[in-house]
Amino acid sequence: MTREQRKKMVIDAVKEMMEKDRLKLQNEPNGYQWKTIDTAPKDGREVLVFYKNEQGKGRIVKARYVGRFTVECDDDTYQVDYDENDIPYCPEGWYEQVDNYDDFAEFYMERNITHWMKLPSYPQGE
């Protein structure tokens, strides 16, 4: 077998494995498929969300939905929502989760989010 034949054989095997993985994820009932945002969980669970920015470019970020009167907010960055006891709460809606800094942060998303997907698991051993 020539070097080119071995190379082609390896490439074909890799393509076949990738196609099997793609089909497995596509056909998995609870798989990693994009779903319309109206079906997204609203229980504070982190998920991936998709939106288009002002330039029309697609963006994917980790986010969670915060329900009304569920997260107290002492930061005047947001237009807070007060309950009947004058306790300030973060506005209801989607919040981007940013955890790549020393401190964890989340930001209210004033975006037209259209789709969501569950987060994959971390790699084993991490």
N, C-alpha and C. Protein backbone atom coordinates (compact mmCIF):
# COMPACT_ATOMS: atom_id res chain seq x y z
N MET A 1 0.85 -1.17 0.00
CA MET A 1 0.00 0.00 0.00
C MET A 1 0.90 1.24 0.00
N THR A 2 0.58 2.18 -0.88
CA THR A 2 1.39 3.39 -0.98
C THR A 2 1.04 4.36 0.15
N ARG A 3 1.89 5.33 0.30
CA ARG A 3 1.67 6.36 1.33
C ARG A 3 0.36 7.11 1.07
N GLU A 4 0.10 7.43 -0.16
CA GLU A 4 -1.13 8.15 -0.53
C GLU A 4 -2.37 7.30 -0.24
N GLN A 5 -2.29 6.00 -0.49
CA GLN A 5 -3.41 5.11 -0.20
C GLN A 5 -3.68 5.02 1.30
N ARG A 6 -2.59 4.92 2.10
CA ARG A 6 -2.76 4.90 3.57
C ARG A 6 -3.37 6.21 4.06
N LYS A 7 -2.88 7.33 3.50
CA LYS A 7 -3.40 8.64 3.88
C LYS A 7 -4.89 8.74 3.57
N LYS A 8 -5.29 8.29 2.39
CA LYS A 8 -6.70 8.32 2.00
C LYS A 8 -7.54 7.42 2.90
N MET A 9 -6.99 6.25 3.26
CA MET A 9 -7.69 5.31 4.12
C MET A 9 -7.94 5.94 5.51
N VAL A 10 -6.94 6.62 6.05
CA VAL A 10 -7.08 7.28 7.36
C VAL A 10 -8.10 8.40 7.28
N ILE A 11 -8.02 9.21 6.26
CA ILE A 11 -8.96 10.33 6.08
C ILE A 11 -10.38 9.80 5.96
N ASP A 12 -10.57 8.76 5.17
CA ASP A 12 -11.91 8.17 5.02
C ASP A 12 -12.43 7.61 6.35
N ALA A 13 -11.56 6.99 7.14
CA ALA A 13 -11.97 6.44 8.44
C ALA A 13 -12.38 7.56 9.39
N VAL A 14 -11.62 8.65 9.40
CA VAL A 14 -11.94 9.79 10.26
C VAL A 14 -13.28 10.41 9.83
N LYS A 15 -13.47 10.58 8.54
CA LYS A 15 -14.74 11.13 8.04
C LYS A 15 -15.92 10.25 8.44
N GLU A 16 -15.74 8.95 8.37
CA GLU A 16 -16.81 8.02 8.75
C GLU A 16 -17.13 8.13 10.24
N MET A 17 -16.10 8.23 11.08
CA MET A 17 -16.32 8.38 12.52
C MET A 17 -17.03 9.69 12.83
N MET A 18 -16.63 10.76 12.16
CA MET A 18 -17.26 12.07 12.39
C MET A 18 -18.72 12.04 11.97
N GLU A 19 -19.02 11.41 10.86
CA GLU A 19 -20.40 11.32 10.40
C GLU A 19 -21.25 10.50 11.37
N LYS A 20 -20.70 9.40 11.91
CA LYS A 20 -21.42 8.60 12.90
C LYS A 20 -21.72 9.43 14.15
N ASP A 21 -20.72 10.20 14.62
CA ASP A 21 -20.92 11.06 15.79
C ASP A 21 -21.98 12.13 15.51
N ARG A 22 -21.93 12.73 14.32
CA ARG A 22 -22.90 13.75 13.96
C ARG A 22 -24.31 13.17 13.97
N LEU A 23 -24.48 12.00 13.37
CA LEU A 23 -25.79 11.36 13.32
C LEU A 23 -26.26 10.96 14.72
N LYS A 24 -25.35 10.49 15.54
CA LYS A 24 -25.71 10.11 16.90
C LYS A 24 -26.25 11.32 17.66
N LEU A 25 -25.55 12.45 17.58
CA LEU A 25 -26.01 13.66 18.28
C LEU A 25 -27.32 14.17 17.69
N GLN A 26 -27.44 14.11 16.37
CA GLN A 26 -28.64 14.60 15.70
C GLN A 26 -29.86 13.77 16.09
N ASN A 27 -29.68 12.47 16.26
CA ASN A 27 -30.80 11.59 16.53
C ASN A 27 -31.04 11.33 18.02
N GLU A 28 -30.14 11.82 18.87
CA GLU A 28 -30.31 11.62 20.30
C GLU A 28 -31.50 12.46 20.78
N PRO A 29 -32.50 11.86 21.44
CA PRO A 29 -33.69 12.60 21.82
C PRO A 29 -33.40 13.78 22.74
N ASN A 30 -32.45 13.64 23.61
CA ASN A 30 -32.08 14.74 24.50
C ASN A 30 -30.72 15.29 24.11
N GLY A 31 -30.40 15.22 22.84
CA GLY A 31 -29.08 15.58 22.36
C GLY A 31 -28.83 17.07 22.30
N TYR A 32 -27.69 17.36 21.78
CA TYR A 32 -27.26 18.74 21.69
C TYR A 32 -27.75 19.34 20.38
N GLN A 33 -29.02 19.69 20.39
CA GLN A 33 -29.65 20.28 19.21
C GLN A 33 -30.16 21.67 19.58
N TRP A 34 -30.09 22.58 18.63
CA TRP A 34 -30.65 23.91 18.86
C TRP A 34 -32.16 23.82 18.88
N LYS A 35 -32.75 24.47 19.86
CA LYS A 35 -34.20 24.51 20.00
C LYS A 35 -34.64 25.96 20.07
N THR A 36 -35.87 26.23 19.70
CA THR A 36 -36.35 27.61 19.75
C THR A 36 -36.41 28.08 21.20
N ILE A 37 -36.18 29.37 21.38
CA ILE A 37 -36.03 29.93 22.73
C ILE A 37 -37.31 29.78 23.57
N ASP A 38 -38.46 29.66 22.93
CA ASP A 38 -39.70 29.51 23.71
C ASP A 38 -39.76 28.18 24.46
N THR A 39 -38.86 27.24 24.12
CA THR A 39 -38.82 25.95 24.82
C THR A 39 -37.71 25.89 25.87
N ALA A 40 -36.99 26.99 26.06
CA ALA A 40 -35.84 27.00 26.98
C ALA A 40 -36.29 26.90 28.43
N PRO A 41 -35.46 26.27 29.27
CA PRO A 41 -35.77 26.20 30.70
C PRO A 41 -35.68 27.59 31.33
N LYS A 42 -36.59 27.87 32.23
CA LYS A 42 -36.60 29.17 32.92
C LYS A 42 -36.46 28.97 34.42
N ASP A 43 -35.62 28.00 34.78
CA ASP A 43 -35.43 27.66 36.19
C ASP A 43 -34.04 28.05 36.70
N GLY A 44 -33.33 28.90 35.98
CA GLY A 44 -32.01 29.34 36.39
C GLY A 44 -30.88 28.45 35.90
N ARG A 45 -31.22 27.39 35.20
CA ARG A 45 -30.22 26.47 34.65
C ARG A 45 -29.41 27.16 33.56
N GLU A 46 -28.10 26.93 33.54
CA GLU A 46 -27.25 27.49 32.50
C GLU A 46 -27.37 26.69 31.22
N VAL A 47 -27.49 27.40 30.10
CA VAL A 47 -27.58 26.79 28.78
C VAL A 47 -26.78 27.64 27.80
N LEU A 48 -26.62 27.15 26.58
CA LEU A 48 -26.06 27.97 25.51
C LEU A 48 -27.21 28.67 24.82
N VAL A 49 -27.03 29.95 24.47
CA VAL A 49 -28.06 30.67 23.72
C VAL A 49 -27.42 31.28 22.48
N PHE A 50 -28.26 31.48 21.47
CA PHE A 50 -27.82 32.04 20.19
C PHE A 50 -28.59 33.33 19.92
N TYR A 51 -27.85 34.35 19.45
CA TYR A 51 -28.47 35.60 19.01
C TYR A 51 -27.59 36.21 17.93
N LYS A 52 -28.11 37.20 17.25
CA LYS A 52 -27.32 37.95 16.27
C LYS A 52 -27.04 39.33 16.84
N ASN A 53 -25.77 39.77 16.72
CA ASN A 53 -25.42 41.09 17.24
C ASN A 53 -25.86 42.19 16.28
N GLU A 54 -25.50 43.42 16.62
CA GLU A 54 -25.93 44.58 15.83
C GLU A 54 -25.43 44.53 14.39
N GLN A 55 -24.34 43.81 14.16
CA GLN A 55 -23.79 43.68 12.80
C GLN A 55 -24.36 42.46 12.07
N GLY A 56 -25.31 41.76 12.70
CA GLY A 56 -25.93 40.61 12.07
C GLY A 56 -25.11 39.33 12.18
N LYS A 57 -24.08 39.34 13.02
CA LYS A 57 -23.24 38.14 13.18
C LYS A 57 -23.78 37.28 14.31
N GLY A 58 -23.84 35.98 14.06
CA GLY A 58 -24.32 35.04 15.06
C GLY A 58 -23.37 34.92 16.23
N ARG A 59 -23.92 34.84 17.42
CA ARG A 59 -23.12 34.71 18.64
C ARG A 59 -23.71 33.63 19.52
N ILE A 60 -22.85 32.87 20.19
CA ILE A 60 -23.27 31.84 21.14
C ILE A 60 -22.62 32.15 22.48
N VAL A 61 -23.43 32.24 23.53
CA VAL A 61 -22.91 32.50 24.87
C VAL A 61 -23.61 31.60 25.88
N LYS A 62 -22.98 31.44 27.03
CA LYS A 62 -23.61 30.71 28.13
C LYS A 62 -24.50 31.71 28.87
N ALA A 63 -25.73 31.29 29.18
CA ALA A 63 -26.68 32.20 29.82
C ALA A 63 -27.64 31.42 30.72
N ARG A 64 -28.38 32.16 31.52
CA ARG A 64 -29.45 31.58 32.33
C ARG A 64 -30.59 32.58 32.40
N TYR A 65 -31.78 32.05 32.59
CA TYR A 65 -32.97 32.89 32.69
C TYR A 65 -33.24 33.18 34.16
N VAL A 66 -33.44 34.44 34.47
CA VAL A 66 -33.77 34.85 35.84
C VAL A 66 -35.23 35.27 35.86
N GLY A 67 -36.01 34.61 36.70
CA GLY A 67 -37.42 34.94 36.82
C GLY A 67 -37.65 36.19 37.67
N ARG A 68 -38.85 36.73 37.59
CA ARG A 68 -39.19 37.95 38.34
C ARG A 68 -39.15 37.68 39.84
N PHE A 69 -38.53 38.60 40.56
CA PHE A 69 -38.41 38.54 42.02
C PHE A 69 -37.70 37.28 42.51
N THR A 70 -36.69 36.83 41.78
CA THR A 70 -35.95 35.64 42.21
C THR A 70 -34.51 35.93 42.59
N VAL A 71 -33.91 37.00 42.06
CA VAL A 71 -32.52 37.32 42.37
C VAL A 71 -32.45 38.77 42.86
N GLU A 72 -32.08 38.92 44.15
CA GLU A 72 -31.93 40.27 44.69
C GLU A 72 -30.78 40.98 44.00
N CYS A 73 -30.94 42.27 43.84
CA CYS A 73 -29.97 43.05 43.08
C CYS A 73 -29.64 44.31 43.86
N ASP A 74 -28.39 44.44 44.30
CA ASP A 74 -27.99 45.65 45.01
C ASP A 74 -27.19 46.58 44.12
N ASP A 75 -27.09 46.24 42.87
CA ASP A 75 -26.29 47.00 41.91
C ASP A 75 -27.22 47.92 41.13
N ASP A 76 -26.91 49.21 41.09
CA ASP A 76 -27.78 50.13 40.35
C ASP A 76 -27.44 50.17 38.86
N THR A 77 -26.67 49.17 38.38
CA THR A 77 -26.39 49.07 36.96
C THR A 77 -27.66 48.73 36.19
N TYR A 78 -28.51 47.91 36.80
CA TYR A 78 -29.75 47.50 36.17
C TYR A 78 -30.90 48.41 36.61
N GLN A 79 -31.91 48.45 35.80
CA GLN A 79 -33.15 49.09 36.23
C GLN A 79 -33.86 48.03 37.07
N VAL A 80 -33.69 48.15 38.38
CA VAL A 80 -34.17 47.10 39.27
C VAL A 80 -35.69 47.12 39.39
N ASP A 81 -36.20 45.98 39.80
CA ASP A 81 -37.63 45.77 39.99
C ASP A 81 -37.84 45.58 41.50
N TYR A 82 -38.72 46.37 42.10
CA TYR A 82 -38.94 46.29 43.55
C TYR A 82 -40.19 45.49 43.86
N ASP A 83 -40.10 44.65 44.88
CA ASP A 83 -41.30 43.92 45.31
C ASP A 83 -42.08 44.77 46.30
N GLU A 84 -43.14 44.19 46.88
CA GLU A 84 -44.02 44.96 47.79
C GLU A 84 -43.30 45.40 49.06
N ASN A 85 -42.15 44.79 49.38
CA ASN A 85 -41.38 45.18 50.57
C ASN A 85 -40.20 46.09 50.22
N ASP A 86 -40.21 46.64 49.02
CA ASP A 86 -39.16 47.52 48.52
C ASP A 86 -37.79 46.85 48.45
N ILE A 87 -37.77 45.55 48.26
CA ILE A 87 -36.52 44.83 48.04
C ILE A 87 -36.21 44.88 46.55
N PRO A 88 -34.98 45.33 46.20
CA PRO A 88 -34.64 45.42 44.77
C PRO A 88 -34.28 44.05 44.19
N TYR A 89 -34.83 43.77 43.01
CA TYR A 89 -34.54 42.52 42.31
C TYR A 89 -34.04 42.83 40.91
N CYS A 90 -33.21 41.92 40.42
CA CYS A 90 -32.74 42.05 39.03
C CYS A 90 -33.93 41.86 38.09
N PRO A 91 -33.93 42.55 36.96
CA PRO A 91 -35.04 42.40 36.02
C PRO A 91 -35.15 40.97 35.50
N GLU A 92 -36.35 40.56 35.22
CA GLU A 92 -36.59 39.25 34.64
C GLU A 92 -35.99 39.20 33.24
N GLY A 93 -35.38 38.08 32.89
CA GLY A 93 -34.84 37.93 31.55
C GLY A 93 -33.59 37.07 31.52
N TRP A 94 -32.91 37.09 30.38
CA TRP A 94 -31.71 36.28 30.15
C TRP A 94 -30.47 37.05 30.58
N TYR A 95 -29.55 36.32 31.23
CA TYR A 95 -28.30 36.89 31.71
C TYR A 95 -27.13 36.06 31.19
N GLU A 96 -26.22 36.75 30.49
CA GLU A 96 -25.01 36.07 30.04
C GLU A 96 -24.15 35.73 31.25
N GLN A 97 -23.62 34.52 31.27
CA GLN A 97 -22.77 34.05 32.37
C GLN A 97 -21.31 34.18 31.96
N VAL A 98 -20.56 34.98 32.69
CA VAL A 98 -19.16 35.19 32.39
C VAL A 98 -18.36 34.70 33.58
N ASP A 99 -17.68 33.59 33.41
CA ASP A 99 -16.93 33.02 34.53
C ASP A 99 -15.47 32.78 34.18
N ASN A 100 -14.93 33.60 33.29
CA ASN A 100 -13.53 33.45 32.93
C ASN A 100 -12.67 34.55 33.54
N TYR A 101 -13.21 35.28 34.48
CA TYR A 101 -12.45 36.29 35.23
C TYR A 101 -12.23 35.76 36.64
N ASP A 102 -11.46 36.51 37.44
CA ASP A 102 -11.26 36.11 38.82
C ASP A 102 -12.58 36.09 39.58
N ASP A 103 -13.44 37.03 39.26
CA ASP A 103 -14.76 37.08 39.88
C ASP A 103 -15.81 36.66 38.86
N PHE A 104 -16.81 35.97 39.33
CA PHE A 104 -17.91 35.56 38.46
C PHE A 104 -18.78 36.78 38.18
N ALA A 105 -19.31 36.88 36.99
CA ALA A 105 -20.19 37.99 36.64
C ALA A 105 -21.29 37.50 35.71
N GLU A 106 -22.40 38.21 35.73
CA GLU A 106 -23.46 37.95 34.76
C GLU A 106 -24.01 39.29 34.31
N PHE A 107 -24.44 39.34 33.08
CA PHE A 107 -24.89 40.57 32.48
C PHE A 107 -26.25 40.38 31.84
N TYR A 108 -27.16 41.31 32.10
CA TYR A 108 -28.48 41.27 31.50
C TYR A 108 -28.33 41.37 29.99
N MET A 109 -29.04 40.52 29.26
CA MET A 109 -28.91 40.48 27.81
C MET A 109 -30.11 41.18 27.16
N GLU A 110 -29.83 42.31 26.58
CA GLU A 110 -30.87 43.01 25.83
C GLU A 110 -30.71 42.64 24.36
N ARG A 111 -30.91 41.37 24.10
CA ARG A 111 -30.72 40.81 22.75
C ARG A 111 -31.96 40.04 22.35
N ASN A 112 -32.10 39.83 21.06
CA ASN A 112 -33.18 38.99 20.55
C ASN A 112 -32.65 37.56 20.46
N ILE A 113 -32.71 36.85 21.58
CA ILE A 113 -32.23 35.48 21.64
C ILE A 113 -33.26 34.61 20.92
N THR A 114 -32.76 33.76 20.01
CA THR A 114 -33.68 32.97 19.19
C THR A 114 -33.64 31.47 19.48
N HIS A 115 -32.48 30.96 19.97
CA HIS A 115 -32.33 29.52 20.16
C HIS A 115 -31.52 29.22 21.41
N TRP A 116 -31.65 27.99 21.88
CA TRP A 116 -30.89 27.53 23.04
C TRP A 116 -30.50 26.06 22.86
N MET A 117 -29.51 25.63 23.66
CA MET A 117 -29.05 24.25 23.64
C MET A 117 -28.48 23.94 25.02
N LYS A 118 -28.65 22.68 25.49
CA LYS A 118 -28.08 22.35 26.78
C LYS A 118 -26.55 22.36 26.71
N LEU A 119 -25.94 22.60 27.85
CA LEU A 119 -24.48 22.62 27.92
C LEU A 119 -23.92 21.19 27.86
N PRO A 120 -22.82 21.01 27.17
CA PRO A 120 -22.18 19.69 27.21
C PRO A 120 -21.51 19.48 28.57
N SER A 121 -21.19 18.25 28.89
CA SER A 121 -20.46 17.94 30.11
C SER A 121 -19.01 18.36 29.96
N TYR A 122 -18.35 18.58 31.10
CA TYR A 122 -16.91 18.85 31.07
C TYR A 122 -16.18 17.58 30.63
N PRO A 123 -14.98 17.74 30.09
CA PRO A 123 -14.20 16.54 29.74
C PRO A 123 -13.96 15.69 30.97
N GLN A 124 -13.88 14.38 30.80
CA GLN A 124 -13.63 13.51 31.94
C GLN A 124 -12.30 13.83 32.58
N GLY A 125 -12.29 13.80 33.91
CA GLY A 125 -11.07 14.09 34.65
C GLY A 125 -10.84 15.55 34.92
N GLU A 126 -11.76 16.40 34.51
CA GLU A 126 -11.60 17.86 34.73
C GLU A 126 -12.45 18.31 35.89
